[in-house]
């Protein structure tokens, strides 16, 4: 269930299967919502299987995906879909094992795609 409308949107962040069970954090960049995290789960969409983190109610604004440095823009009353930047996967897995790993510099960021809810 999504709780979006007005100045509240949602993010569906597609993740690699090996990150199921982790809880990636988002940090608001413009003071919109602080920090928030949610669990990566296996999700079934028809006959397809996806691995994703769903953030169901985020104040509109820009957020950094911690661990990758990606920035996503959340629009009110919209569901934003984005894919996890693959270069960050090794950093998250290393952190999961307790090994110090820094996110890589020079990452190219893919733009997120916002879609109206209910379409």
C-alpha atoms as a PDB file:
ATOM      1  CA  UNK A   1       0.000   0.000   0.000  1.00  0.00           C
ATOM      2  CA  UNK A   2       1.408   3.371  -1.026  1.00  0.00           C
ATOM      3  CA  UNK A   3       0.646   6.527   0.908  1.00  0.00           C
ATOM      4  CA  UNK A   4       1.229   9.141  -1.816  1.00  0.00           C
ATOM      5  CA  UNK A   5      -0.463  12.353  -2.920  1.00  0.00           C
ATOM      6  CA  UNK A   6       0.130  16.071  -2.620  1.00  0.00           C
ATOM      7  CA  UNK A   7       3.780  16.493  -1.625  1.00  0.00           C
ATOM      8  CA  UNK A   8       4.339  12.791  -0.869  1.00  0.00           C
ATOM      9  CA  UNK A   9       5.764  10.321  -3.406  1.00  0.00           C
ATOM     10  CA  UNK A  10       7.254   6.825  -3.379  1.00  0.00           C
ATOM     11  CA  UNK A  11      10.451   5.151  -4.609  1.00  0.00           C
ATOM     12  CA  UNK A  12      10.798   1.657  -6.042  1.00  0.00           C
ATOM     13  CA  UNK A  13      14.529   0.899  -6.067  1.00  0.00           C
ATOM     14  CA  UNK A  14      15.437  -2.239  -8.051  1.00  0.00           C
ATOM     15  CA  UNK A  15      18.342  -4.111  -6.445  1.00  0.00           C
ATOM     16  CA  UNK A  16      20.570  -7.138  -7.181  1.00  0.00           C
ATOM     17  CA  UNK A  17      19.306 -10.444  -5.748  1.00  0.00           C
ATOM     18  CA  UNK A  18      22.340 -10.733  -3.450  1.00  0.00           C
ATOM     19  CA  UNK A  19      21.148  -7.647  -1.535  1.00  0.00           C
ATOM     20  CA  UNK A  20      17.827  -9.216  -0.464  1.00  0.00           C
ATOM     21  CA  UNK A  21      17.517  -8.738   3.290  1.00  0.00           C
ATOM     22  CA  UNK A  22      19.675  -5.591   3.441  1.00  0.00           C
ATOM     23  CA  UNK A  23      18.152  -2.208   4.309  1.00  0.00           C
ATOM     24  CA  UNK A  24      19.560   0.548   2.087  1.00  0.00           C
ATOM     25  CA  UNK A  25      19.164   4.036   3.536  1.00  0.00           C
ATOM     26  CA  UNK A  26      18.090   7.211   1.799  1.00  0.00           C
ATOM     27  CA  UNK A  27      19.255  10.603   3.036  1.00  0.00           C
ATOM     28  CA  UNK A  28      17.214  13.696   2.180  1.00  0.00           C
ATOM     29  CA  UNK A  29      19.427  16.314   0.510  1.00  0.00           C
ATOM     30  CA  UNK A  30      17.098  19.273   0.815  1.00  0.00           C
ATOM     31  CA  UNK A  31      15.763  18.785   4.324  1.00  0.00           C
ATOM     32  CA  UNK A  32      12.618  17.030   3.106  1.00  0.00           C
ATOM     33  CA  UNK A  33      12.694  13.865   5.183  1.00  0.00           C
ATOM     34  CA  UNK A  34      15.915  13.076   7.065  1.00  0.00           C
ATOM     35  CA  UNK A  35      17.001   9.420   6.726  1.00  0.00           C
ATOM     36  CA  UNK A  36      14.849   6.399   5.989  1.00  0.00           C
ATOM     37  CA  UNK A  37      15.529   2.727   5.242  1.00  0.00           C
ATOM     38  CA  UNK A  38      13.539  -0.280   4.091  1.00  0.00           C
ATOM     39  CA  UNK A  39      14.260  -3.946   3.423  1.00  0.00           C
ATOM     40  CA  UNK A  40      15.124  -5.292  -0.019  1.00  0.00           C
ATOM     41  CA  UNK A  41      12.661  -8.076  -0.814  1.00  0.00           C
ATOM     42  CA  UNK A  42      11.898 -10.444  -3.637  1.00  0.00           C
ATOM     43  CA  UNK A  43       8.778  -9.161  -5.383  1.00  0.00           C
ATOM     44  CA  UNK A  44       6.653 -10.950  -7.966  1.00  0.00           C
ATOM     45  CA  UNK A  45       5.210  -8.912 -10.796  1.00  0.00           C
ATOM     46  CA  UNK A  46       3.059 -11.275 -12.844  1.00  0.00           C
ATOM     47  CA  UNK A  47       5.405 -14.067 -13.866  1.00  0.00           C
ATOM     48  CA  UNK A  48       8.532 -11.934 -13.377  1.00  0.00           C
ATOM     49  CA  UNK A  49      10.637 -11.784 -10.206  1.00  0.00           C
ATOM     50  CA  UNK A  50      12.241  -8.516  -9.131  1.00  0.00           C
ATOM     51  CA  UNK A  51      14.350  -7.619  -6.118  1.00  0.00           C
ATOM     52  CA  UNK A  52      13.542  -4.178  -4.813  1.00  0.00           C
ATOM     53  CA  UNK A  53      13.291  -1.818  -1.889  1.00  0.00           C
ATOM     54  CA  UNK A  54       9.992   0.070  -1.719  1.00  0.00           C
ATOM     55  CA  UNK A  55       9.881   3.401   0.108  1.00  0.00           C
ATOM     56  CA  UNK A  56       6.087   3.972   0.240  1.00  0.00           C
ATOM     57  CA  UNK A  57       5.829   7.556   1.546  1.00  0.00           C
ATOM     58  CA  UNK A  58       8.617  10.098   0.959  1.00  0.00           C
ATOM     59  CA  UNK A  59       8.294  13.881   1.062  1.00  0.00           C
ATOM     60  CA  UNK A  60       9.032  15.303  -2.399  1.00  0.00           C
ATOM     61  CA  UNK A  61      12.686  16.223  -2.828  1.00  0.00           C
ATOM     62  CA  UNK A  62      16.145  14.916  -3.658  1.00  0.00           C
ATOM     63  CA  UNK A  63      17.557  11.871  -1.843  1.00  0.00           C
ATOM     64  CA  UNK A  64      20.990  10.216  -1.852  1.00  0.00           C
ATOM     65  CA  UNK A  65      21.002   6.412  -1.871  1.00  0.00           C
ATOM     66  CA  UNK A  66      23.600   5.720   0.811  1.00  0.00           C
ATOM     67  CA  UNK A  67      26.294   3.293  -0.278  1.00  0.00           C
ATOM     68  CA  UNK A  68      26.058   4.214  -3.943  1.00  0.00           C
ATOM     69  CA  UNK A  69      25.950   7.991  -3.985  1.00  0.00           C
ATOM     70  CA  UNK A  70      23.060   7.911  -6.469  1.00  0.00           C
ATOM     71  CA  UNK A  71      20.675  10.840  -6.242  1.00  0.00           C
ATOM     72  CA  UNK A  72      16.979  10.349  -6.956  1.00  0.00           C
ATOM     73  CA  UNK A  73      14.306  13.009  -7.265  1.00  0.00           C
ATOM     74  CA  UNK A  74      10.978  12.178  -5.623  1.00  0.00           C
ATOM     75  CA  UNK A  75       7.918  14.013  -6.959  1.00  0.00           C
ATOM     76  CA  UNK A  76       4.670  14.310  -5.017  1.00  0.00           C
ATOM     77  CA  UNK A  77       1.865  11.930  -6.039  1.00  0.00           C
ATOM     78  CA  UNK A  78       4.316   9.930  -8.218  1.00  0.00           C
ATOM     79  CA  UNK A  79       6.136   6.616  -7.970  1.00  0.00           C
ATOM     80  CA  UNK A  80       9.796   7.015  -8.917  1.00  0.00           C
ATOM     81  CA  UNK A  81      11.558   3.903 -10.226  1.00  0.00           C
ATOM     82  CA  UNK A  82      15.349   3.609 -10.170  1.00  0.00           C
ATOM     83  CA  UNK A  83      17.966   0.888 -10.497  1.00  0.00           C
ATOM     84  CA  UNK A  84      20.739   0.416  -7.941  1.00  0.00           C
ATOM     85  CA  UNK A  85      24.131   1.499  -9.277  1.00  0.00           C
ATOM     86  CA  UNK A  86      26.070  -1.784  -9.675  1.00  0.00           C
ATOM     87  CA  UNK A  87      29.436  -0.339  -8.622  1.00  0.00           C
ATOM     88  CA  UNK A  88      28.086   0.153  -5.103  1.00  0.00           C
ATOM     89  CA  UNK A  89      27.076  -3.482  -4.617  1.00  0.00           C
ATOM     90  CA  UNK A  90      30.573  -4.503  -3.519  1.00  0.00           C
ATOM     91  CA  UNK A  91      30.587  -1.734  -0.887  1.00  0.00           C
ATOM     92  CA  UNK A  92      27.246  -2.838   0.575  1.00  0.00           C
ATOM     93  CA  UNK A  93      28.272  -6.512   0.628  1.00  0.00           C
ATOM     94  CA  UNK A  94      31.597  -5.606   2.254  1.00  0.00           C
ATOM     95  CA  UNK A  95      29.787  -3.565   4.909  1.00  0.00           C
ATOM     96  CA  UNK A  96      27.454  -6.511   5.481  1.00  0.00           C
ATOM     97  CA  UNK A  97      30.543  -8.657   6.192  1.00  0.00           C
ATOM     98  CA  UNK A  98      32.086  -5.951   8.381  1.00  0.00           C
ATOM     99  CA  UNK A  99      34.852  -5.113   5.905  1.00  0.00           C
ATOM    100  CA  UNK A 100      35.617  -1.431   5.369  1.00  0.00           C
ATOM    101  CA  UNK A 101      34.912  -0.507   1.763  1.00  0.00           C
ATOM    102  CA  UNK A 102      34.507   2.926   0.275  1.00  0.00           C
ATOM    103  CA  UNK A 103      32.024   3.705  -2.501  1.00  0.00           C
ATOM    104  CA  UNK A 104      33.835   4.204  -5.798  1.00  0.00           C
ATOM    105  CA  UNK A 105      34.350   7.699  -7.129  1.00  0.00           C
ATOM    106  CA  UNK A 106      33.392   8.795 -10.631  1.00  0.00           C
ATOM    107  CA  UNK A 107      30.134   6.837 -10.728  1.00  0.00           C
ATOM    108  CA  UNK A 108      27.796   7.822 -13.544  1.00  0.00           C
ATOM    109  CA  UNK A 109      24.262   8.304 -12.267  1.00  0.00           C
ATOM    110  CA  UNK A 110      21.244   7.142 -14.211  1.00  0.00           C
ATOM    111  CA  UNK A 111      18.223   9.409 -13.969  1.00  0.00           C
ATOM    112  CA  UNK A 112      15.278   8.020 -12.048  1.00  0.00           C
ATOM    113  CA  UNK A 113      11.943   7.727 -13.826  1.00  0.00           C
ATOM    114  CA  UNK A 114       8.768   9.012 -12.170  1.00  0.00           C
ATOM    115  CA  UNK A 115       5.427   7.491 -13.149  1.00  0.00           C
ATOM    116  CA  UNK A 116       1.970   8.574 -12.024  1.00  0.00           C
ATOM    117  CA  UNK A 117       0.429   6.247  -9.460  1.00  0.00           C
ATOM    118  CA  UNK A 118      -2.374   4.102 -10.816  1.00  0.00           C
ATOM    119  CA  UNK A 119      -1.254   4.021 -14.453  1.00  0.00           C
END
